[in-house]
Amino acid sequence: MSVFLDKNTRLLVQGITGKEGQFHTRQCVAYGTNVVAGMTPGKGGQKMDGIPVYNSVREAAEATKPNASMILVPPPFAADAIIEAIDSDIALIVCITEGIPVMDMMRVKNYLAQKPQCRLVGPNCPGLMTPGECKIGIMPNSMGKAGGPVGVISRSGTLTYEVMHQLTEVGLGQTTCIGIGGDPINGTNFIDCLTAFNDDPETKAVVMVGEIGGNAEEDACAFIKANMDIPVVGFIAGLTAPPGRRMGHAGAIVSGGKGTAEAKIEAMKAAGVHHCDNLGKIGELAKKVF
């Protein structure tokens, strides 16, 4: 099985006619994702590789019945794009855009709370993939192994791919791989994903990749200790990052003495998570644990 997306997913792409939108839409189609529509204001009536383009999400939703949306629009317009998808009751909204202002995301978060039937993954994320079935986002098509027992959750985009590659190399396939994004305010967090994987009968274990900044990993560890029935392998990026230095994106900064790698590692160990201190060995550790 999988969580959040599968072979039946019908994808709408917001921003499909832009350079990034065209490139990543083609990659999703090549992977086997069923892209049913695109949306760019003012471009309605056009087609992109045979995919119909609409002026609004509502028009696209009424005409093609998508149940997922991938957002690839510039930061100033991304919050409105997310809200437009929420208004059309799109069940899974995946926002790839990086650099959305925090105040915009606070507005989105409050709006999203009114529509619990909608799930936002991201922003500033690589998306998610159920190997062999469906990809939404910018993950490389060559990554992942279908039919496996491991779920993957990561705040880091590139480390998501690294973990998928290592798991594949040691013969462990994945149910679903989820990049939740590195911004301080996101739609889907570690606990949301852990809950979904814990409830999925085909997911027998989870690899969780965190990083410095915030307290999402500590909260996740408390949840793991209290609720998880399956083993978890964890890794924290940023152990050697200088204090006060942003590491790649907005969420990865230690401030007020909180969010350190050391604190997150201790939380993992206290929760019974199998902590890996060497990213290059995470596949080997997973093989031993699982």
Protein backbone atom coordinates (compact mmCIF):
# COMPACT_ATOMS: atom_id res chain seq x y z
CA MET A 1 0.00 0.00 0.00
CA SER A 2 0.97 3.66 0.17
CA VAL A 3 0.01 6.85 1.94
CA PHE A 4 -1.36 10.08 0.43
CA LEU A 5 -0.88 9.10 -3.25
CA ASP A 6 -1.04 6.03 -5.48
CA LYS A 7 -1.68 4.88 -9.05
CA ASN A 8 -5.21 6.33 -8.89
CA THR A 9 -4.03 9.87 -8.17
CA ARG A 10 -5.27 12.48 -10.67
CA LEU A 11 -2.87 15.43 -10.73
CA LEU A 12 -3.43 19.08 -11.56
CA VAL A 13 -0.33 21.27 -12.07
CA GLN A 14 -0.59 24.93 -11.06
CA GLY A 15 1.96 26.87 -13.08
CA ILE A 16 2.22 24.22 -15.79
CA THR A 17 3.21 26.62 -18.58
CA GLY A 18 6.29 28.03 -16.84
CA LYS A 19 9.77 26.64 -17.40
CA GLU A 20 9.83 24.67 -14.12
CA GLY A 21 6.20 23.66 -14.51
CA GLN A 22 6.75 22.19 -17.95
CA PHE A 23 9.95 20.36 -16.99
CA HIS A 24 8.65 18.74 -13.83
CA THR A 25 5.24 17.95 -15.31
CA ARG A 26 7.00 16.00 -18.05
CA GLN A 27 9.07 14.16 -15.44
CA CYS A 28 5.94 13.24 -13.48
CA VAL A 29 4.23 12.00 -16.65
CA ALA A 30 7.32 9.99 -17.58
CA TYR A 31 7.20 8.34 -14.15
CA GLY A 32 3.60 7.29 -14.75
CA THR A 33 1.68 9.97 -12.85
CA ASN A 34 -1.74 10.70 -14.32
CA VAL A 35 -1.58 14.46 -14.98
CA VAL A 36 -5.12 15.42 -15.98
CA ALA A 37 -4.86 19.21 -16.19
CA GLY A 38 -2.75 22.31 -15.82
CA MET A 39 -3.60 25.83 -14.67
CA THR A 40 -2.08 29.19 -15.54
CA PRO A 41 -4.15 32.39 -15.45
CA GLY A 42 -4.57 33.77 -18.95
CA LYS A 43 -3.44 30.55 -20.63
CA GLY A 44 -6.79 28.75 -20.57
CA GLY A 45 -7.58 26.83 -23.73
CA GLN A 46 -3.95 26.00 -24.47
CA LYS A 47 -2.38 22.57 -24.07
CA MET A 48 0.99 21.46 -22.75
CA ASP A 49 1.99 18.15 -24.32
CA GLY A 50 -1.69 17.42 -24.79
CA ILE A 51 -2.60 18.29 -21.21
CA PRO A 52 -5.44 20.87 -21.14
CA VAL A 53 -4.67 24.19 -19.45
CA TYR A 54 -7.29 26.19 -17.55
CA ASN A 55 -7.46 29.75 -16.23
CA SER A 56 -8.40 28.74 -12.68
CA VAL A 57 -8.24 25.74 -10.37
CA ARG A 58 -12.02 25.73 -10.11
CA GLU A 59 -12.39 25.41 -13.89
CA ALA A 60 -9.80 22.62 -13.97
CA ALA A 61 -11.41 20.83 -11.02
CA GLU A 62 -14.88 20.92 -12.53
CA ALA A 63 -13.65 19.69 -15.92
CA THR A 64 -11.13 17.01 -14.95
CA LYS A 65 -11.81 16.03 -11.29
CA PRO A 66 -8.23 16.05 -9.94
CA ASN A 67 -7.62 14.84 -6.39
CA ALA A 68 -4.10 16.28 -6.13
CA SER A 69 -2.31 19.46 -7.15
CA MET A 70 1.36 20.32 -7.67
CA ILE A 71 2.20 24.00 -7.26
CA LEU A 72 5.16 25.44 -9.15
CA VAL A 73 4.59 29.20 -9.09
CA PRO A 74 6.79 32.13 -7.91
CA PRO A 75 6.81 32.89 -4.15
CA PRO A 76 4.66 36.07 -4.28
CA PHE A 77 1.77 34.11 -5.79
CA ALA A 78 2.21 30.74 -4.06
CA ALA A 79 0.00 31.37 -1.02
CA ASP A 80 -2.92 32.40 -3.23
CA ALA A 81 -2.30 29.31 -5.38
CA ILE A 82 -2.54 27.09 -2.30
CA ILE A 83 -5.72 28.82 -1.14
CA GLU A 84 -7.24 28.43 -4.60
CA ALA A 85 -6.60 24.68 -4.43
CA ILE A 86 -8.08 24.53 -0.92
CA ASP A 87 -11.19 26.38 -2.14
CA SER A 88 -11.63 23.71 -4.80
CA ASP A 89 -11.38 20.92 -2.19
CA ILE A 90 -8.27 19.35 -3.72
CA ALA A 91 -7.44 16.53 -1.29
CA LEU A 92 -3.63 16.62 -1.66
CA ILE A 93 -1.84 19.90 -2.36
CA VAL A 94 1.93 19.74 -2.89
CA CYS A 95 3.72 23.10 -2.93
CA ILE A 96 7.28 22.96 -4.26
CA THR A 97 7.87 26.73 -4.16
CA GLU A 98 10.67 28.01 -1.95
CA GLY A 99 10.81 31.46 -0.38
CA ILE A 100 7.15 32.02 0.51
CA PRO A 101 6.93 34.77 3.16
CA VAL A 102 6.17 33.51 6.67
CA MET A 103 3.16 35.81 7.02
CA ASP A 104 1.72 34.33 3.82
CA MET A 105 2.13 30.83 5.21
CA MET A 106 0.45 31.84 8.48
CA ARG A 107 -2.54 32.95 6.41
CA VAL A 108 -2.49 29.64 4.52
CA LYS A 109 -2.20 27.62 7.74
CA ASN A 110 -5.25 29.34 9.24
CA TYR A 111 -7.20 28.87 6.02
CA LEU A 112 -6.22 25.21 5.81
CA ALA A 113 -7.55 24.59 9.32
CA GLN A 114 -11.04 25.30 8.00
CA LYS A 115 -10.76 22.50 5.43
CA PRO A 116 -9.55 19.33 7.21
CA GLN A 117 -10.30 17.30 4.09
CA CYS A 118 -7.37 19.04 2.35
CA ARG A 119 -3.75 18.14 3.01
CA LEU A 120 -0.84 20.43 2.16
CA VAL A 121 2.66 18.99 1.73
CA GLY A 122 5.34 21.68 1.74
CA PRO A 123 6.11 24.39 0.85
CA ASN A 124 9.81 24.33 -0.01
CA CYS A 125 9.71 20.57 -0.45
CA PRO A 126 10.67 18.01 -3.09
CA GLY A 127 7.22 16.43 -3.01
CA LEU A 128 6.43 12.79 -2.50
CA MET A 129 6.61 9.47 -4.31
CA THR A 130 5.06 6.05 -4.10
CA PRO A 131 7.69 4.06 -6.02
CA GLY A 132 6.37 2.38 -9.13
CA GLU A 133 3.00 4.13 -8.91
CA CYS A 134 3.05 7.91 -8.68
CA LYS A 135 5.33 10.92 -8.20
CA ILE A 136 4.33 14.48 -7.35
CA GLY A 137 7.21 16.92 -7.19
CA ILE A 138 10.84 17.10 -8.20
CA MET A 139 12.30 13.83 -6.93
CA PRO A 140 14.52 12.11 -9.52
CA ASN A 141 12.65 9.41 -11.42
CA SER A 142 15.51 6.95 -10.97
CA MET A 143 15.15 6.88 -7.18
CA GLY A 144 13.06 4.46 -5.17
CA LYS A 145 12.20 0.80 -5.17
CA ALA A 146 8.61 -0.42 -5.34
CA GLY A 147 6.98 -2.98 -3.12
CA GLY A 148 9.05 -2.42 -0.03
CA PRO A 149 8.24 -2.17 3.65
CA VAL A 150 9.85 1.19 4.53
CA GLY A 151 8.28 4.64 4.74
CA VAL A 152 10.57 7.67 4.40
CA ILE A 153 10.03 11.16 5.91
CA SER A 154 12.52 13.98 5.54
CA ARG A 155 12.79 17.73 6.08
CA SER A 156 15.66 17.83 3.58
CA GLY A 157 14.98 17.36 -0.11
CA THR A 158 18.34 16.00 -1.20
CA LEU A 159 18.64 13.74 1.83
CA THR A 160 15.26 12.24 0.88
CA TYR A 161 16.83 11.04 -2.35
CA GLU A 162 19.95 9.85 -0.57
CA VAL A 163 17.96 7.71 1.85
CA MET A 164 15.83 6.29 -0.95
CA HIS A 165 18.99 5.37 -2.88
CA GLN A 166 20.63 3.69 0.09
CA LEU A 167 17.51 1.72 0.99
CA THR A 168 17.23 0.55 -2.61
CA GLU A 169 20.90 -0.45 -2.67
CA VAL A 170 20.45 -2.73 0.35
CA GLY A 171 17.28 -4.25 -1.10
CA LEU A 172 14.69 -2.39 0.98
CA GLY A 173 11.83 -1.00 -1.08
CA GLN A 174 9.68 1.90 0.03
CA THR A 175 5.93 2.31 0.47
CA THR A 176 5.91 6.11 0.18
CA CYS A 177 8.70 8.71 0.44
CA ILE A 178 7.68 12.16 1.69
CA GLY A 179 9.68 15.39 1.72
CA ILE A 180 7.82 17.60 4.18
CA GLY A 181 9.90 20.71 3.44
CA GLY A 182 12.27 22.86 5.40
CA ASP A 183 10.23 25.98 6.10
CA PRO A 184 9.24 26.83 9.69
CA ILE A 185 5.54 26.74 8.77
CA ASN A 186 4.43 23.80 6.67
CA GLY A 187 1.28 21.88 5.99
CA THR A 188 2.23 18.30 6.89
CA ASN A 189 4.65 17.52 9.71
CA PHE A 190 6.53 14.49 10.98
CA ILE A 191 3.68 13.39 13.25
CA ASP A 192 1.15 13.49 10.41
CA CYS A 193 3.39 11.21 8.34
CA LEU A 194 4.28 8.92 11.24
CA THR A 195 0.59 8.47 11.99
CA ALA A 196 -0.14 7.55 8.38
CA PHE A 197 2.73 5.07 8.21
CA ASN A 198 1.85 3.53 11.57
CA ASP A 199 -1.69 2.93 10.30
CA ASP A 200 -0.56 1.51 6.95
CA PRO A 201 -0.42 -2.31 7.13
CA GLU A 202 2.25 -2.53 4.42
CA THR A 203 4.69 -0.12 6.11
CA LYS A 204 6.78 -2.15 8.55
CA ALA A 205 9.37 0.51 9.43
CA VAL A 206 10.17 4.21 8.96
CA VAL A 207 13.30 6.24 8.23
CA MET A 208 13.01 9.80 9.57
CA VAL A 209 15.51 12.49 8.54
CA GLY A 210 15.51 15.71 10.55
CA GLU A 211 17.80 18.67 10.87
CA ILE A 212 18.69 21.56 13.15
CA GLY A 213 16.15 24.28 13.88
CA GLY A 214 12.72 24.22 15.48
CA ASN A 215 11.29 21.45 17.65
CA ALA A 216 9.53 19.26 15.09
CA GLU A 217 11.88 16.33 15.68
CA GLU A 218 11.49 16.48 19.46
CA ASP A 219 7.70 16.47 19.09
CA ALA A 220 7.94 13.56 16.66
CA CYS A 221 10.10 11.59 19.10
CA ALA A 222 7.53 12.05 21.86
CA PHE A 223 4.89 10.73 19.47
CA ILE A 224 7.07 7.77 18.48
CA LYS A 225 7.65 6.80 22.09
CA ALA A 226 3.95 6.95 22.93
CA ASN A 227 2.35 5.60 19.76
CA MET A 228 4.56 3.88 17.19
CA ASP A 229 4.26 0.12 16.76
CA ILE A 230 6.98 -0.16 14.10
CA PRO A 231 10.73 0.56 14.30
CA VAL A 232 12.14 3.95 13.31
CA VAL A 233 15.66 4.79 12.11
CA GLY A 234 16.60 8.44 12.44
CA PHE A 235 19.25 10.89 11.28
CA ILE A 236 19.78 14.56 12.19
CA ALA A 237 21.60 16.83 9.73
CA GLY A 238 23.54 19.86 10.85
CA LEU A 239 25.61 18.54 13.75
CA THR A 240 28.63 20.58 12.62
CA ALA A 241 26.74 23.74 11.59
CA PRO A 242 28.08 26.90 13.33
CA PRO A 243 25.64 28.44 15.86
CA GLY A 244 23.37 31.01 14.26
CA ARG A 245 24.18 29.89 10.71
CA ARG A 246 21.28 29.09 8.44
CA MET A 247 21.77 25.71 6.83
CA GLY A 248 20.20 25.74 3.40
CA HIS A 249 16.78 27.17 4.16
CA ALA A 250 14.61 29.15 6.52
CA GLY A 251 13.74 26.44 9.02
CA ALA A 252 17.26 25.21 9.67
CA ILE A 253 18.55 27.72 12.17
CA VAL A 254 19.21 27.28 15.87
CA SER A 255 17.87 30.18 17.90
CA GLY A 256 17.33 30.85 21.59
CA GLY A 257 19.35 27.76 22.45
CA LYS A 258 16.69 25.52 20.93
CA GLY A 259 16.75 23.27 17.90
CA THR A 260 20.28 21.94 18.30
CA ALA A 261 21.35 18.70 16.68
CA GLU A 262 22.51 17.36 20.05
CA ALA A 263 19.08 17.88 21.62
CA LYS A 264 17.33 16.19 18.72
CA ILE A 265 19.69 13.21 18.80
CA GLU A 266 19.11 12.78 22.54
CA ALA A 267 15.35 12.94 21.96
CA MET A 268 15.65 10.21 19.34
CA LYS A 269 17.64 7.95 21.61
CA ALA A 270 15.25 8.52 24.51
CA ALA A 271 12.30 7.56 22.28
CA GLY A 272 13.89 4.30 21.15
CA VAL A 273 14.68 5.56 17.65
CA HIS A 274 17.68 3.83 16.09
CA HIS A 275 19.88 6.88 15.55
CA CYS A 276 22.42 6.83 12.73
CA ASP A 277 25.38 9.16 13.21
CA ASN A 278 26.74 8.63 9.69
CA LEU A 279 24.44 9.41 6.78
CA GLY A 280 26.44 7.12 4.53
CA LYS A 281 25.51 4.16 6.72
CA ILE A 282 21.77 4.74 7.08
CA GLY A 283 20.87 2.07 4.55
CA GLU A 284 23.07 -0.49 6.29
CA LEU A 285 21.58 0.39 9.68
CA ALA A 286 18.06 0.14 8.31
CA LYS A 287 18.85 -3.31 6.91
CA LYS A 288 20.06 -4.48 10.34
CA VAL A 289 17.12 -3.00 12.22
CA PHE A 290 14.38 -4.03 9.81
